[in-house]
N, C-alpha and C. Protein backbone atom coordinates (compact mmCIF):
# COMPACT_ATOMS: atom_id res chain seq x y z
N MET A 1 -3.08 9.57 12.14
CA MET A 1 -3.00 8.61 10.56
C MET A 1 -4.28 7.60 10.51
N LYS A 2 -5.22 7.63 9.78
CA LYS A 2 -6.19 6.96 9.59
C LYS A 2 -6.05 5.48 8.55
N ALA A 3 -5.79 4.12 8.83
CA ALA A 3 -5.80 3.55 8.25
C ALA A 3 -6.85 2.79 7.77
N CYS A 4 -7.38 2.05 6.57
CA CYS A 4 -8.55 1.23 6.39
C CYS A 4 -8.17 -0.48 7.11
N LYS A 5 -8.83 -0.62 7.29
CA LYS A 5 -9.07 -2.56 8.25
C LYS A 5 -8.34 -3.06 8.02
N CYS A 6 -8.41 -3.51 6.27
CA CYS A 6 -7.87 -4.04 4.94
C CYS A 6 -6.14 -4.19 5.54
N TYR A 7 -6.18 -3.00 5.45
CA TYR A 7 -4.10 -2.53 4.97
C TYR A 7 -3.60 -3.37 6.67
N LYS A 8 -4.37 -3.06 7.30
CA LYS A 8 -3.94 -3.30 9.33
C LYS A 8 -3.55 -4.55 9.13
N ARG A 9 -4.65 -5.51 8.48
CA ARG A 9 -4.24 -6.90 8.30
C ARG A 9 -3.35 -7.41 7.57
N GLY A 10 -2.72 -6.63 6.93
CA GLY A 10 -1.63 -7.00 6.01
C GLY A 10 -2.02 -6.94 4.85
N GLY A 11 -3.45 -6.26 4.17
CA GLY A 11 -3.90 -6.60 2.89
C GLY A 11 -3.12 -5.60 1.93
N ARG A 12 -3.42 -5.45 1.18
CA ARG A 12 -2.82 -4.55 0.00
C ARG A 12 -3.81 -3.93 -0.59
N VAL A 13 -3.41 -2.58 -0.96
CA VAL A 13 -4.62 -1.42 -1.95
C VAL A 13 -4.42 -2.10 -3.31
N LYS A 14 -5.43 -2.06 -3.71
CA LYS A 14 -5.63 -2.68 -5.51
C LYS A 14 -5.52 -1.30 -5.92
N LEU A 15 -4.75 -0.80 -6.68
CA LEU A 15 -4.08 0.12 -7.61
C LEU A 15 -3.60 -0.13 -8.82
N LYS A 16 -4.56 0.53 -9.92
CA LYS A 16 -4.09 0.04 -11.16
C LYS A 16 -2.97 1.24 -11.62
N MET A 17 -1.94 0.91 -12.06
CA MET A 17 -1.00 1.62 -12.32
C MET A 17 -0.93 1.80 -14.16
N GLY A 18 -0.69 3.32 -14.50
CA GLY A 18 -0.88 3.71 -15.60
C GLY A 18 -1.92 3.53 -16.35
N VAL A 19 -3.05 3.68 -15.51
CA VAL A 19 -4.31 3.56 -16.43
C VAL A 19 -4.43 5.38 -16.51
N HIS A 20 -3.76 5.79 -17.92
CA HIS A 20 -3.69 7.15 -18.26
C HIS A 20 -4.59 6.58 -19.50
N LYS A 21 -4.80 7.87 -20.22
CA LYS A 21 -5.06 7.98 -21.87
C LYS A 21 -4.25 7.32 -22.50
N ASP A 22 -2.74 7.51 -22.56
CA ASP A 22 -1.53 7.24 -23.00
C ASP A 22 -0.88 6.00 -21.92
N LYS A 23 -1.11 5.07 -22.22
CA LYS A 23 -0.25 4.24 -21.03
C LYS A 23 1.37 3.79 -21.24
N LYS A 24 1.56 5.13 -22.06
CA LYS A 24 3.23 4.65 -22.47
C LYS A 24 3.72 5.51 -20.87
N LYS A 25 3.09 6.42 -20.27
CA LYS A 25 4.19 7.28 -19.15
C LYS A 25 3.95 6.59 -18.17
N GLY A 26 3.16 5.94 -17.47
CA GLY A 26 3.51 5.15 -16.28
C GLY A 26 3.51 5.73 -14.75
N GLY A 27 3.31 4.96 -14.10
CA GLY A 27 3.08 5.64 -12.66
C GLY A 27 1.44 6.30 -12.18
N LEU A 28 0.99 6.51 -11.29
CA LEU A 28 -0.32 6.59 -10.61
C LEU A 28 -0.32 7.95 -11.03
N THR A 29 -2.14 8.12 -11.58
CA THR A 29 -2.80 9.20 -11.61
C THR A 29 -3.06 9.74 -10.41
N ARG A 30 -3.50 11.10 -10.69
CA ARG A 30 -3.92 12.09 -9.27
C ARG A 30 -4.93 11.06 -8.25
N ALA A 31 -5.81 10.45 -8.93
CA ALA A 31 -6.61 9.61 -8.52
C ALA A 31 -6.63 8.50 -7.49
N GLY A 32 -5.34 8.12 -8.59
CA GLY A 32 -4.50 6.70 -7.92
C GLY A 32 -3.69 7.13 -6.33
N ILE A 33 -3.42 8.57 -6.48
CA ILE A 33 -2.78 8.66 -5.39
C ILE A 33 -3.26 9.15 -4.25
N ALA A 34 -4.73 9.84 -4.87
CA ALA A 34 -5.57 10.51 -3.73
C ALA A 34 -6.22 8.82 -3.07
N LYS A 35 -6.32 7.93 -3.83
CA LYS A 35 -7.20 6.38 -3.39
C LYS A 35 -5.84 6.11 -2.23
N TYR A 36 -4.47 5.70 -2.81
CA TYR A 36 -3.74 5.48 -1.84
C TYR A 36 -3.70 5.71 -0.42
N ASN A 37 -3.20 7.37 -0.43
CA ASN A 37 -2.96 8.09 0.80
C ASN A 37 -4.50 8.24 1.70
N ARG A 38 -5.40 7.81 1.25
CA ARG A 38 -6.89 7.80 1.78
C ARG A 38 -6.95 6.53 2.45
N GLU A 39 -6.42 5.41 1.64
CA GLU A 39 -6.44 3.75 1.93
C GLU A 39 -5.49 3.53 3.57
N THR A 40 -4.38 4.38 3.30
CA THR A 40 -3.36 3.91 3.75
C THR A 40 -2.29 4.98 4.98
N GLY A 41 -3.56 6.06 4.62
CA GLY A 41 -2.85 7.18 5.63
C GLY A 41 -1.37 7.68 5.36
N SER A 42 -1.39 7.72 4.13
CA SER A 42 0.36 8.04 3.63
C SER A 42 0.09 9.20 3.16
N ASN A 43 1.36 9.70 2.65
CA ASN A 43 1.56 11.25 2.09
C ASN A 43 2.52 10.71 1.02
N LEU A 44 1.77 10.44 -0.11
CA LEU A 44 2.34 10.14 -1.27
C LEU A 44 2.19 11.16 -2.06
N LYS A 45 3.25 11.39 -2.66
CA LYS A 45 3.02 12.72 -3.80
C LYS A 45 3.43 12.80 -5.22
N MET A 46 2.90 13.32 -5.83
CA MET A 46 3.08 13.71 -7.00
C MET A 46 4.60 13.30 -7.77
N ALA A 47 4.76 12.88 -8.62
CA ALA A 47 6.07 13.12 -9.24
C ALA A 47 6.66 14.17 -9.95
N VAL A 48 8.11 14.62 -9.59
CA VAL A 48 8.76 15.77 -10.05
C VAL A 48 8.71 15.68 -11.31
N THR A 49 7.69 16.37 -12.06
CA THR A 49 7.90 15.92 -13.87
C THR A 49 8.63 17.69 -14.61
N THR A 50 9.06 18.20 -13.55
CA THR A 50 9.63 19.42 -14.18
C THR A 50 10.83 19.43 -14.92
N LYS A 51 11.36 19.70 -15.78
CA LYS A 51 12.59 19.53 -16.39
C LYS A 51 13.65 20.02 -15.45
N PRO A 52 14.87 19.38 -14.92
CA PRO A 52 15.63 19.94 -14.28
C PRO A 52 16.59 21.30 -14.72
N SER A 53 16.41 21.53 -15.86
CA SER A 53 16.82 23.01 -16.15
C SER A 53 15.44 23.96 -15.41
N LYS A 54 14.71 23.77 -15.53
CA LYS A 54 13.34 24.52 -15.23
C LYS A 54 13.37 24.81 -13.35
N LEU A 55 13.71 23.91 -12.89
CA LEU A 55 13.99 23.44 -11.07
C LEU A 55 14.76 24.56 -10.38
N LYS A 56 14.41 25.32 -9.55
CA LYS A 56 15.39 25.95 -8.64
C LYS A 56 16.47 25.26 -8.06
N PRO A 57 17.68 25.38 -8.35
CA PRO A 57 18.52 24.71 -7.87
C PRO A 57 18.44 24.53 -5.95
N GLY A 58 18.59 23.52 -5.70
CA GLY A 58 18.32 23.38 -4.09
C GLY A 58 16.82 23.67 -3.42
N SER A 59 15.93 23.27 -4.50
CA SER A 59 14.77 23.73 -4.01
C SER A 59 14.24 22.09 -3.67
N LYS A 60 12.63 22.19 -2.67
CA LYS A 60 12.41 20.96 -2.03
C LYS A 60 12.18 20.06 -3.54
N ALA A 61 11.37 20.56 -4.58
CA ALA A 61 11.12 19.49 -5.78
C ALA A 61 12.70 18.64 -6.21
N ALA A 62 13.51 20.30 -6.53
CA ALA A 62 14.51 19.62 -7.08
C ALA A 62 15.43 18.15 -6.13
N LYS A 63 15.84 18.54 -4.69
CA LYS A 63 15.98 17.81 -4.08
C LYS A 63 15.49 16.53 -4.10
N ARG A 64 14.12 16.34 -4.01
CA ARG A 64 13.36 15.12 -4.24
C ARG A 64 13.40 14.56 -5.42
N ARG A 65 13.20 15.28 -6.70
CA ARG A 65 13.61 14.23 -7.75
C ARG A 65 15.31 13.63 -7.90
N LYS A 66 16.51 14.34 -7.04
CA LYS A 66 17.63 14.12 -7.53
C LYS A 66 17.77 12.96 -5.97
N SER A 67 16.99 13.07 -5.31
CA SER A 67 16.81 11.64 -4.13
C SER A 67 16.05 10.74 -5.14
N PHE A 68 15.22 10.70 -5.69
CA PHE A 68 14.39 9.45 -6.31
C PHE A 68 15.34 9.04 -7.82
N CYS A 69 16.10 9.94 -8.47
CA CYS A 69 16.77 9.40 -9.30
C CYS A 69 17.95 8.63 -8.96
N ALA A 70 18.78 9.15 -7.65
CA ALA A 70 19.80 8.08 -7.18
C ALA A 70 19.25 7.23 -6.94
N ARG A 71 18.03 6.87 -5.77
CA ARG A 71 17.58 5.77 -5.40
C ARG A 71 17.39 4.75 -6.72
N MET A 72 16.61 5.21 -7.41
CA MET A 72 16.07 4.18 -8.64
C MET A 72 16.98 3.97 -9.73
N LYS A 73 18.08 4.35 -10.25
CA LYS A 73 19.21 4.34 -10.78
C LYS A 73 19.69 2.77 -10.47
N GLY A 74 20.01 3.03 -8.95
CA GLY A 74 20.48 1.58 -8.17
C GLY A 74 19.69 0.30 -8.60
N VAL A 75 18.40 0.57 -8.90
CA VAL A 75 17.93 -0.69 -9.20
C VAL A 75 17.94 -1.76 -10.29
N LYS A 76 18.69 -2.70 -9.90
CA LYS A 76 18.98 -4.42 -10.97
C LYS A 76 17.56 -4.01 -11.62
N GLY A 77 17.93 -4.52 -12.87
CA GLY A 77 17.50 -4.60 -13.86
C GLY A 77 16.68 -4.50 -15.10
N PRO A 78 16.73 -5.04 -16.20
CA PRO A 78 16.40 -3.88 -17.36
C PRO A 78 15.56 -3.06 -17.98
N MET A 79 15.85 -2.22 -18.65
CA MET A 79 15.11 -1.16 -18.92
C MET A 79 14.15 -1.55 -20.03
N ARG A 80 13.96 -2.56 -20.63
CA ARG A 80 13.38 -3.13 -21.34
C ARG A 80 12.63 -4.51 -21.46
N LYS A 81 11.66 -5.03 -21.46
CA LYS A 81 11.02 -6.19 -21.53
C LYS A 81 11.57 -7.20 -22.76
N PRO A 82 11.47 -7.98 -22.65
CA PRO A 82 12.04 -8.77 -23.95
C PRO A 82 10.95 -8.47 -25.10
N ASN A 83 10.16 -8.21 -25.14
CA ASN A 83 8.75 -7.79 -26.49
C ASN A 83 9.43 -6.08 -26.53
N GLY A 84 10.35 -5.53 -26.05
CA GLY A 84 10.86 -4.35 -26.85
C GLY A 84 10.30 -3.21 -25.80
N LYS A 85 9.02 -3.24 -24.91
CA LYS A 85 8.44 -2.09 -24.33
C LYS A 85 9.12 -1.50 -23.10
N PRO A 86 8.65 -0.83 -22.33
CA PRO A 86 10.16 -0.14 -21.33
C PRO A 86 9.97 -0.52 -20.26
N THR A 87 10.15 -1.40 -19.40
CA THR A 87 9.70 -1.70 -18.04
C THR A 87 9.25 -0.20 -17.56
N ARG A 88 8.56 -0.62 -15.93
CA ARG A 88 8.29 -0.06 -15.05
C ARG A 88 9.24 1.16 -14.50
N LYS A 89 10.53 0.28 -14.25
CA LYS A 89 11.49 0.96 -13.61
C LYS A 89 12.11 2.16 -14.81
N ALA A 90 12.38 1.86 -16.52
CA ALA A 90 12.12 2.64 -17.22
C ALA A 90 11.07 4.01 -17.38
N LEU A 91 10.08 3.43 -17.45
CA LEU A 91 9.12 4.61 -17.22
C LEU A 91 9.15 5.46 -16.05
N ALA A 92 9.69 5.08 -15.05
CA ALA A 92 9.54 6.22 -13.69
C ALA A 92 10.68 7.03 -14.02
N LEU A 93 11.81 6.47 -14.59
CA LEU A 93 13.32 7.19 -14.46
C LEU A 93 12.59 8.65 -15.91
N ARG A 94 12.08 8.12 -16.63
CA ARG A 94 11.90 9.09 -17.99
C ARG A 94 10.60 10.17 -17.18
N LYS A 95 9.82 9.37 -16.57
CA LYS A 95 8.79 10.58 -16.19
C LYS A 95 9.21 11.51 -15.19
N TRP A 96 10.50 11.14 -14.09
CA TRP A 96 11.30 11.83 -13.50
C TRP A 96 12.76 13.30 -14.13
N ASN A 97 12.53 12.45 -15.36
CA ASN A 97 13.49 13.23 -15.99
C ASN A 97 15.01 12.64 -15.32
N CYS A 98 15.19 11.79 -14.68
CA CYS A 98 16.68 11.20 -14.16
C CYS A 98 17.67 11.01 -15.75
């Protein structure tokens, strides 16, 4: 794995989250994931957005989705901002069909 020099020195990868045509979806775009993986040497994958009823039980995607939902549901914090818009937590849970 090859990481960029800025990341090795404790720098952070600069990404714009949720820069879609429709900003209400949240998350990283395909290009954002590619940039993150390239700069950190990581292996970040796209969200499992398939509906649970369409996933084969016990498949790799179903297990990833179940694991993500279990971890994210335990995160403390509100689902809505004071202005009424959903938080990033709420957007992530919605995108993964949790």
